[in-house]
Amino acid sequence: MSSLYQVIARKWRPQTFDDVVGQDHVVRTLKNAIARGRIAHAYLLVGPRGTGKTSTARIFAKALNCTGGPKADFDVNDPVCQTIANGSHLDVIEFDAASNTQVDKIREAILDSVAYAPASAKFKIYIIDEVHMLSAGSFNALLKTLEEPPPHVKFVFATTDPQKLPLTVISRCQRFDLKPIPNELIIARLQKIAVAEKIKITDGALACIARLADGGMRDAQSFFDQMISFCGNEIAEPDVLDVYGLVAADKIAALAAALAAGDHRQIVALVDECDAAGRDLVRLLIDLQALVRSALLDAIALGGQSEALSGPAGKGAGANAMTTEQLTRLLDGLREGEGNVKLGLAEKINFEVTLLKAVEASRARAIDSLIKELAALADEVPATGPAAGDGEKKKG
């Protein structure tokens, strides 16, 4: 039975446009292009890992080559779609640029066959994953074909690093930017999978997995799969915290409140507690940055001040409200120390120093603002010296 097991990330991979999560702008454009017959010859899908680039490319290939297509509402059980899904369709060629960077590979896989008509489908579709890994010579060899391909040929490129692509390639494609998937959508998808797989998982555990995934659905599903192996059919928040070294959300909030209050003793105590529990301090620093950034956005929206880091109601809430300038300096201090913490040498000490320096930075005042305040005070103070001419009167 183990030989037939399929990991959740593959088993629950999107098979239709409606299955794609968090990329509505991409799905809507592609579906409209198919419905209106405005199908371009080349598409570029850009986005972080695990956000659905390759899955969207395969779904688009199904929509173009399905029986009776092109149509966006194809039948997922269509034999043509089945062969595209399992990678055996002759007219849908997937090419991994990361392991085939040379010009000879491009010529063999694409350029030598692009002129031939499709074997059985309407279009011959080339899906090139991690396209930015191709060599300069490969891009040059591909340019002419990419600019004026035969009518039966479509290209779909996927990349996590569009800055490495030549502008001559980007200008010949319709570009779609896939964004990180919001945590609430990841949680909703995992809940659906949990019900189907008969897994009992708490809301806190789902929130931890979504936070750990950083906007990547594939990563979230892989973490979920690993937790099932660890816990079985019941998963709770402490299990996820222990396996991945995460810090609980309330502990992160307490540390953020200590930063806002400038409570050095509390900061050191909380760091000691997290380190003793074997928590990932690099991850904790990233979570702290996210919390401070959220408070900064809150301050901007409220007109310059936020109480988001002050702690829960009834425990000093509002006592340590921070201005936009203070939050900016705090966030900048946390970001500056991230490299030192990631070095792994004296990680705890580097982490503590980063937090304490960030606190001091948040309490510093910009020199230009001090000059303005001093100038304003000087204008308000009345002259206290003797009035002009008093000396002359006394002499007379």
Protein backbone atom coordinates (compact mmCIF):
# COMPACT_ATOMS: atom_id res chain seq x y z
CA MET A 1 0.00 0.00 0.00
CA SER A 2 2.88 2.38 0.73
CA SER A 3 4.07 2.08 -2.88
CA LEU A 4 0.75 3.54 -4.05
CA TYR A 5 0.79 6.45 -1.60
CA GLN A 6 0.70 9.90 -3.15
CA VAL A 7 1.70 12.95 -1.12
CA ILE A 8 -1.00 15.52 -0.43
CA ALA A 9 0.71 18.22 -2.53
CA ARG A 10 0.39 16.00 -5.62
CA LYS A 11 -2.94 14.38 -4.77
CA TRP A 12 -4.59 17.76 -4.20
CA ARG A 13 -2.85 19.64 -6.99
CA PRO A 14 -5.31 21.95 -8.82
CA GLN A 15 -6.84 20.24 -11.84
CA THR A 16 -9.19 22.98 -13.09
CA PHE A 17 -9.26 26.77 -13.04
CA ASP A 18 -11.74 26.68 -10.15
CA ASP A 19 -9.23 24.73 -8.04
CA VAL A 20 -6.58 27.45 -8.24
CA VAL A 21 -6.50 29.33 -4.93
CA GLY A 22 -5.64 32.99 -4.46
CA GLN A 23 -4.89 33.84 -8.11
CA ASP A 24 -8.27 35.10 -9.29
CA HIS A 25 -6.76 37.81 -11.50
CA VAL A 26 -4.77 35.23 -13.46
CA VAL A 27 -7.62 32.73 -13.73
CA ARG A 28 -10.12 35.35 -14.87
CA THR A 29 -7.83 36.69 -17.59
CA LEU A 30 -6.99 33.26 -18.98
CA LYS A 31 -10.63 32.14 -18.97
CA ASN A 32 -11.71 35.33 -20.74
CA ALA A 33 -8.93 34.94 -23.30
CA ILE A 34 -10.14 31.42 -24.09
CA ALA A 35 -13.82 32.44 -24.23
CA ARG A 36 -13.11 35.37 -26.58
CA GLY A 37 -10.60 33.58 -28.77
CA ARG A 38 -7.77 35.95 -27.80
CA ILE A 39 -5.14 33.33 -27.03
CA ALA A 40 -1.61 34.71 -27.15
CA HIS A 41 1.34 32.69 -28.41
CA ALA A 42 3.45 33.07 -25.23
CA TYR A 43 2.70 33.51 -21.53
CA LEU A 44 5.02 34.21 -18.61
CA LEU A 45 3.91 33.14 -15.11
CA VAL A 46 5.89 34.83 -12.34
CA GLY A 47 5.65 34.24 -8.61
CA PRO A 48 7.10 32.69 -5.45
CA ARG A 49 7.42 28.94 -5.11
CA GLY A 50 4.28 26.95 -4.47
CA THR A 51 1.80 29.57 -5.67
CA GLY A 52 0.50 27.62 -8.67
CA LYS A 53 2.63 28.56 -11.69
CA THR A 54 3.17 25.08 -13.15
CA SER A 55 -0.31 23.94 -12.13
CA THR A 56 -1.85 26.93 -13.92
CA ALA A 57 0.23 26.17 -17.01
CA ARG A 58 -1.03 22.58 -17.10
CA ILE A 59 -4.63 23.67 -16.57
CA PHE A 60 -4.26 26.16 -19.42
CA ALA A 61 -2.89 23.37 -21.61
CA LYS A 62 -5.92 21.24 -20.76
CA ALA A 63 -8.28 24.08 -21.64
CA LEU A 64 -6.61 24.53 -25.05
CA ASN A 65 -6.32 20.87 -26.03
CA CYS A 66 -9.34 19.28 -24.36
CA THR A 67 -11.93 17.47 -26.44
CA GLY A 68 -14.07 20.12 -28.16
CA GLY A 69 -11.71 22.86 -26.95
CA PRO A 70 -10.45 25.38 -26.45
CA LYS A 71 -12.82 25.86 -23.51
CA ALA A 72 -12.27 26.93 -19.93
CA ASP A 73 -14.92 24.64 -18.41
CA PHE A 74 -13.39 21.36 -19.65
CA ASP A 75 -14.22 17.98 -18.14
CA VAL A 76 -11.44 16.93 -15.78
CA ASN A 77 -12.19 13.28 -16.66
CA ASP A 78 -11.66 13.90 -20.36
CA PRO A 79 -9.02 11.35 -21.56
CA VAL A 80 -7.01 14.16 -23.16
CA CYS A 81 -6.96 16.09 -19.88
CA GLN A 82 -5.99 12.94 -18.01
CA THR A 83 -2.95 12.41 -20.21
CA ILE A 84 -1.91 16.06 -19.80
CA ALA A 85 -2.27 15.73 -16.02
CA ASN A 86 -0.02 12.66 -15.85
CA GLY A 87 2.51 14.11 -18.28
CA SER A 88 2.08 11.62 -21.11
CA HIS A 89 0.42 13.81 -23.75
CA LEU A 90 2.59 14.01 -26.88
CA ASP A 91 1.65 17.59 -27.71
CA VAL A 92 2.20 19.09 -24.25
CA ILE A 93 5.94 19.15 -23.66
CA GLU A 94 7.23 20.09 -20.20
CA PHE A 95 10.82 21.24 -20.10
CA ASP A 96 12.87 21.82 -16.95
CA ALA A 97 15.24 24.70 -17.68
CA ALA A 98 17.09 24.23 -14.40
CA SER A 99 18.61 20.94 -15.58
CA ASN A 100 18.68 21.69 -19.33
CA THR A 101 20.36 25.06 -19.76
CA GLN A 102 22.43 24.41 -22.90
CA VAL A 103 21.57 25.53 -26.41
CA ASP A 104 21.74 21.93 -27.64
CA LYS A 105 18.98 20.91 -25.19
CA ILE A 106 16.72 23.75 -26.35
CA ARG A 107 17.34 22.89 -29.99
CA GLU A 108 16.67 19.20 -29.41
CA ALA A 109 13.54 19.63 -27.27
CA ILE A 110 11.92 22.64 -28.95
CA LEU A 111 13.49 24.22 -32.01
CA ASP A 112 13.82 21.00 -34.05
CA SER A 113 10.20 19.98 -33.46
CA VAL A 114 8.33 23.26 -33.36
CA ALA A 115 7.60 23.30 -37.09
CA TYR A 116 5.82 19.94 -37.04
CA ALA A 117 2.07 19.81 -36.57
CA PRO A 118 0.61 18.43 -33.34
CA ALA A 119 0.29 14.65 -33.20
CA SER A 120 -3.35 14.59 -32.05
CA ALA A 121 -4.36 17.87 -30.39
CA LYS A 122 -5.10 21.35 -31.68
CA PHE A 123 -1.98 22.97 -30.21
CA LYS A 124 1.57 21.97 -29.44
CA ILE A 125 2.25 23.53 -26.04
CA TYR A 126 5.70 23.98 -24.50
CA ILE A 127 5.78 24.50 -20.74
CA ILE A 128 9.24 25.66 -19.61
CA ASP A 129 9.69 25.68 -15.84
CA GLU A 130 12.30 27.91 -14.14
CA VAL A 131 12.94 29.54 -17.51
CA HIS A 132 15.35 32.06 -16.00
CA MET A 133 17.91 29.23 -15.67
CA LEU A 134 18.44 29.05 -19.45
CA SER A 135 21.79 30.26 -20.73
CA ALA A 136 22.18 33.45 -22.79
CA GLY A 137 22.82 31.32 -25.87
CA SER A 138 19.60 29.37 -25.27
CA PHE A 139 17.57 32.58 -25.01
CA ASN A 140 19.12 33.89 -28.22
CA ALA A 141 18.33 30.65 -30.04
CA LEU A 142 14.74 30.77 -28.79
CA LEU A 143 14.02 34.43 -29.58
CA LYS A 144 13.06 34.14 -33.25
CA THR A 145 10.76 31.18 -32.65
CA LEU A 146 9.25 32.95 -29.64
CA GLU A 147 8.53 36.07 -31.67
CA GLU A 148 6.87 34.35 -34.64
CA PRO A 149 5.95 30.77 -33.75
CA PRO A 150 3.74 28.66 -36.02
CA PRO A 151 -0.01 29.11 -35.36
CA HIS A 152 -0.25 25.69 -33.69
CA VAL A 153 2.47 26.45 -31.07
CA LYS A 154 1.99 28.02 -27.65
CA PHE A 155 4.64 28.74 -25.01
CA VAL A 156 4.04 28.95 -21.27
CA PHE A 157 7.03 30.00 -19.17
CA ALA A 158 7.24 29.83 -15.36
CA THR A 159 9.83 31.54 -13.19
CA THR A 160 10.53 32.61 -9.62
CA ASP A 161 13.17 35.14 -10.71
CA PRO A 162 11.99 37.33 -13.62
CA GLN A 163 14.89 39.78 -13.14
CA LYS A 164 17.19 37.23 -14.76
CA LEU A 165 15.12 37.09 -17.94
CA PRO A 166 16.20 39.17 -20.95
CA LEU A 167 13.82 42.01 -21.72
CA THR A 168 13.63 40.69 -25.28
CA VAL A 169 11.97 37.55 -23.90
CA ILE A 170 9.64 39.34 -21.48
CA SER A 171 8.44 41.73 -24.21
CA ARG A 172 7.30 38.79 -26.34
CA CYS A 173 5.09 37.31 -23.60
CA GLN A 174 1.93 38.16 -21.74
CA ARG A 175 3.10 38.38 -18.13
CA PHE A 176 1.06 37.24 -15.12
CA ASP A 177 2.30 37.85 -11.58
CA LEU A 178 1.08 35.24 -9.12
CA LYS A 179 1.06 36.56 -5.57
CA PRO A 180 1.62 34.83 -2.22
CA ILE A 181 -1.57 33.15 -1.09
CA PRO A 182 -3.23 34.77 1.98
CA ASN A 183 -3.21 32.69 5.17
CA GLU A 184 -7.00 32.53 5.36
CA LEU A 185 -7.21 30.91 1.91
CA ILE A 186 -4.49 28.41 2.81
CA ILE A 187 -6.35 27.53 6.01
CA ALA A 188 -9.63 27.07 4.12
CA ARG A 189 -7.95 24.76 1.60
CA LEU A 190 -6.28 22.70 4.33
CA GLN A 191 -9.59 22.39 6.15
CA LYS A 192 -11.17 20.98 3.00
CA ILE A 193 -8.31 18.50 2.61
CA ALA A 194 -8.54 17.53 6.29
CA VAL A 195 -12.24 16.71 5.96
CA ALA A 196 -11.64 14.62 2.85
CA GLU A 197 -8.69 12.80 4.43
CA LYS A 198 -10.55 12.33 7.74
CA ILE A 199 -7.95 14.27 9.72
CA LYS A 200 -8.91 16.18 12.88
CA ILE A 201 -6.84 19.36 13.16
CA THR A 202 -7.34 22.38 15.40
CA ASP A 203 -7.68 25.94 14.13
CA GLY A 204 -4.49 26.89 15.95
CA ALA A 205 -2.54 24.15 14.18
CA LEU A 206 -3.88 25.28 10.80
CA ALA A 207 -2.90 28.87 11.56
CA CYS A 208 0.64 27.76 12.46
CA ILE A 209 1.01 25.77 9.24
CA ALA A 210 -0.26 28.71 7.17
CA ARG A 211 2.16 31.08 8.93
CA LEU A 212 5.03 28.68 8.28
CA ALA A 213 4.14 28.34 4.58
CA ASP A 214 4.78 32.05 3.81
CA GLY A 215 2.09 32.21 1.13
CA GLY A 216 2.97 28.93 -0.61
CA MET A 217 0.16 26.40 -0.93
CA ARG A 218 2.51 23.56 -1.84
CA ASP A 219 4.65 24.21 1.24
CA ALA A 220 1.53 24.29 3.43
CA GLN A 221 0.35 20.95 2.05
CA SER A 222 3.80 19.41 2.56
CA PHE A 223 3.88 20.60 6.18
CA PHE A 224 0.37 19.24 6.68
CA ASP A 225 1.46 15.90 5.22
CA GLN A 226 4.44 15.75 7.56
CA MET A 227 2.26 16.53 10.58
CA ILE A 228 -0.06 13.66 9.66
CA SER A 229 2.97 11.35 9.67
CA PHE A 230 4.00 12.70 13.07
CA CYS A 231 0.62 12.86 14.82
CA GLY A 232 -1.68 10.52 12.98
CA ASN A 233 -5.30 11.57 12.55
CA GLU A 234 -5.36 14.23 15.29
CA ILE A 235 -3.18 17.35 15.09
CA ALA A 236 -3.04 20.12 17.70
CA GLU A 237 -1.19 23.44 17.78
CA PRO A 238 1.52 22.33 20.27
CA ASP A 239 2.44 19.48 17.89
CA VAL A 240 3.15 21.92 15.05
CA LEU A 241 5.08 24.24 17.35
CA ASP A 242 7.28 21.39 18.56
CA VAL A 243 7.99 19.86 15.15
CA TYR A 244 8.92 23.11 13.40
CA GLY A 245 10.29 25.10 16.33
CA LEU A 246 7.68 27.83 16.02
CA VAL A 247 6.78 30.23 18.81
CA ALA A 248 3.12 30.52 19.80
CA ALA A 249 1.32 33.62 18.59
CA ASP A 250 0.65 34.89 22.13
CA LYS A 251 4.35 34.59 23.02
CA ILE A 252 5.29 36.57 19.88
CA ALA A 253 2.77 39.24 20.89
CA ALA A 254 4.26 39.35 24.41
CA LEU A 255 7.76 39.83 23.00
CA ALA A 256 6.52 42.56 20.67
CA ALA A 257 4.87 44.30 23.64
CA ALA A 258 8.17 44.14 25.53
CA LEU A 259 9.90 45.74 22.56
CA ALA A 260 7.31 48.52 22.49
CA ALA A 261 7.70 49.10 26.22
CA GLY A 262 11.49 48.99 26.08
CA ASP A 263 11.44 46.34 28.83
CA HIS A 264 14.93 44.87 28.46
CA ARG A 265 14.50 42.40 31.32
CA GLN A 266 11.30 40.99 29.85
CA ILE A 267 12.88 40.76 26.40
CA VAL A 268 15.82 38.73 27.71
CA ALA A 269 13.53 36.51 29.79
CA LEU A 270 11.28 35.70 26.83
CA VAL A 271 14.26 34.98 24.58
CA ASP A 272 15.69 32.64 27.25
CA GLU A 273 12.36 30.85 27.43
CA CYS A 274 12.10 30.41 23.66
CA ASP A 275 15.70 29.25 23.33
CA ALA A 276 15.34 26.75 26.19
CA ALA A 277 12.29 25.30 24.43
CA GLY A 278 14.33 24.79 21.25
CA ARG A 279 12.44 27.36 19.18
CA ASP A 280 13.73 28.65 15.86
CA LEU A 281 14.99 32.17 16.61
CA VAL A 282 15.36 33.07 12.94
CA ARG A 283 11.73 32.22 12.38
CA LEU A 284 10.79 34.15 15.52
CA LEU A 285 12.59 37.22 14.16
CA ILE A 286 10.66 36.95 10.89
CA ASP A 287 7.37 36.64 12.79
CA LEU A 288 8.27 39.67 14.90
CA GLN A 289 8.97 41.68 11.75
CA ALA A 290 5.56 40.73 10.37
CA LEU A 291 3.88 41.86 13.60
CA VAL A 292 5.75 45.18 13.70
CA ARG A 293 4.99 45.78 10.02
CA SER A 294 1.30 45.19 10.72
CA ALA A 295 1.47 47.74 13.56
CA LEU A 296 3.22 50.20 11.23
CA LEU A 297 0.44 49.89 8.66
CA ASP A 298 -2.05 50.36 11.48
CA ALA A 299 -0.26 53.55 12.56
CA ILE A 300 -0.29 54.90 9.02
CA ALA A 301 -4.02 54.19 8.70
CA LEU A 302 -4.77 55.83 12.08
CA GLY A 303 -2.84 58.97 11.29
CA GLY A 304 0.55 58.41 12.86
CA GLN A 305 0.21 56.29 16.02
CA SER A 306 -0.64 52.68 16.87
CA GLU A 307 -1.27 50.71 20.05
CA ALA A 308 -1.08 47.36 18.25
CA LEU A 309 2.08 46.28 20.10
CA SER A 310 0.99 47.46 23.54
CA GLY A 311 -0.31 44.11 24.70
CA PRO A 312 -3.78 42.66 25.39
CA ALA A 313 -6.55 44.71 26.90
CA GLY A 314 -6.25 45.04 30.67
CA LYS A 315 -2.46 44.58 30.65
CA GLY A 316 -1.21 48.01 29.83
CA ALA A 317 -2.90 48.36 26.47
CA GLY A 318 -2.36 51.81 25.11
CA ALA A 319 0.41 52.63 27.56
CA ASN A 320 3.12 52.06 24.96
CA ALA A 321 1.60 53.47 21.81
CA MET A 322 4.22 53.99 19.12
CA THR A 323 4.42 56.55 16.34
CA THR A 324 5.02 55.77 12.69
CA GLU A 325 8.62 56.97 13.06
CA GLN A 326 9.26 54.71 16.07
CA LEU A 327 7.76 51.67 14.38
CA THR A 328 9.77 52.33 11.23
CA ARG A 329 12.99 52.49 13.25
CA LEU A 330 12.05 49.35 15.18
CA LEU A 331 11.33 47.41 11.99
CA ASP A 332 14.53 48.69 10.39
CA GLY A 333 16.52 47.53 13.42
CA LEU A 334 15.00 44.05 13.25
CA ARG A 335 15.77 43.84 9.53
CA GLU A 336 19.35 44.99 9.96
CA GLY A 337 20.12 42.23 12.45
CA GLU A 338 18.55 39.42 10.45
CA GLY A 339 21.78 38.56 8.65
CA ASN A 340 23.73 38.17 11.89
CA VAL A 341 21.09 35.92 13.42
CA LYS A 342 21.05 33.71 10.33
CA LEU A 343 24.82 33.15 10.52
CA GLY A 344 24.23 30.51 13.18
CA LEU A 345 27.25 31.58 15.27
CA ALA A 346 26.11 32.57 18.77
CA GLU A 347 22.57 32.74 17.40
CA LYS A 348 20.94 33.53 20.75
CA ILE A 349 23.36 36.36 21.55
CA ASN A 350 22.97 37.86 18.08
CA PHE A 351 19.21 37.62 18.43
CA GLU A 352 19.21 39.38 21.80
CA VAL A 353 21.54 42.11 20.55
CA THR A 354 19.31 42.62 17.49
CA LEU A 355 16.22 43.08 19.65
CA LEU A 356 17.92 45.43 22.12
CA LYS A 357 19.48 47.55 19.37
CA ALA A 358 16.10 47.74 17.62
CA VAL A 359 14.51 48.99 20.87
CA GLU A 360 17.17 51.68 21.24
CA ALA A 361 16.75 52.68 17.60
CA SER A 362 12.99 53.02 18.05
CA ARG A 363 13.52 55.38 20.99
CA ALA A 364 16.04 57.58 19.19
CA ARG A 365 14.92 60.82 17.63
CA ALA A 366 15.74 61.95 14.13
CA ILE A 367 18.12 64.92 14.22
CA ASP A 368 16.03 66.93 11.75
CA SER A 369 12.90 66.60 13.91
CA LEU A 370 14.87 67.72 16.99
CA ILE A 371 16.14 70.78 15.15
CA LYS A 372 12.59 71.69 14.12
CA GLU A 373 11.32 71.30 17.69
CA LEU A 374 14.15 73.43 19.12
CA ALA A 375 13.49 76.12 16.52
CA ALA A 376 9.78 76.11 17.39
CA LEU A 377 10.57 76.41 21.11
CA ALA A 378 12.96 79.30 20.45
CA ASP A 379 10.20 81.16 18.61
CA GLU A 380 7.77 80.67 21.51
CA VAL A 381 10.09 81.86 24.33
CA PRO A 382 9.65 85.67 24.93
CA ALA A 383 12.71 87.90 25.12
CA THR A 384 13.76 88.24 28.81
CA GLY A 385 16.57 90.86 28.43
CA PRO A 386 16.16 94.61 29.17
CA ALA A 387 14.08 96.58 26.71
CA ALA A 388 15.92 98.60 24.12
CA GLY A 389 16.85 102.09 25.43
CA ASP A 390 16.59 101.22 29.16
CA GLY A 391 20.32 101.56 29.61
CA GLU A 392 20.40 105.02 28.08
CA LYS A 393 17.62 106.23 30.38
CA LYS A 394 19.46 105.07 33.46
CA LYS A 395 22.60 106.85 32.32
CA GLY A 396 20.68 110.07 31.89
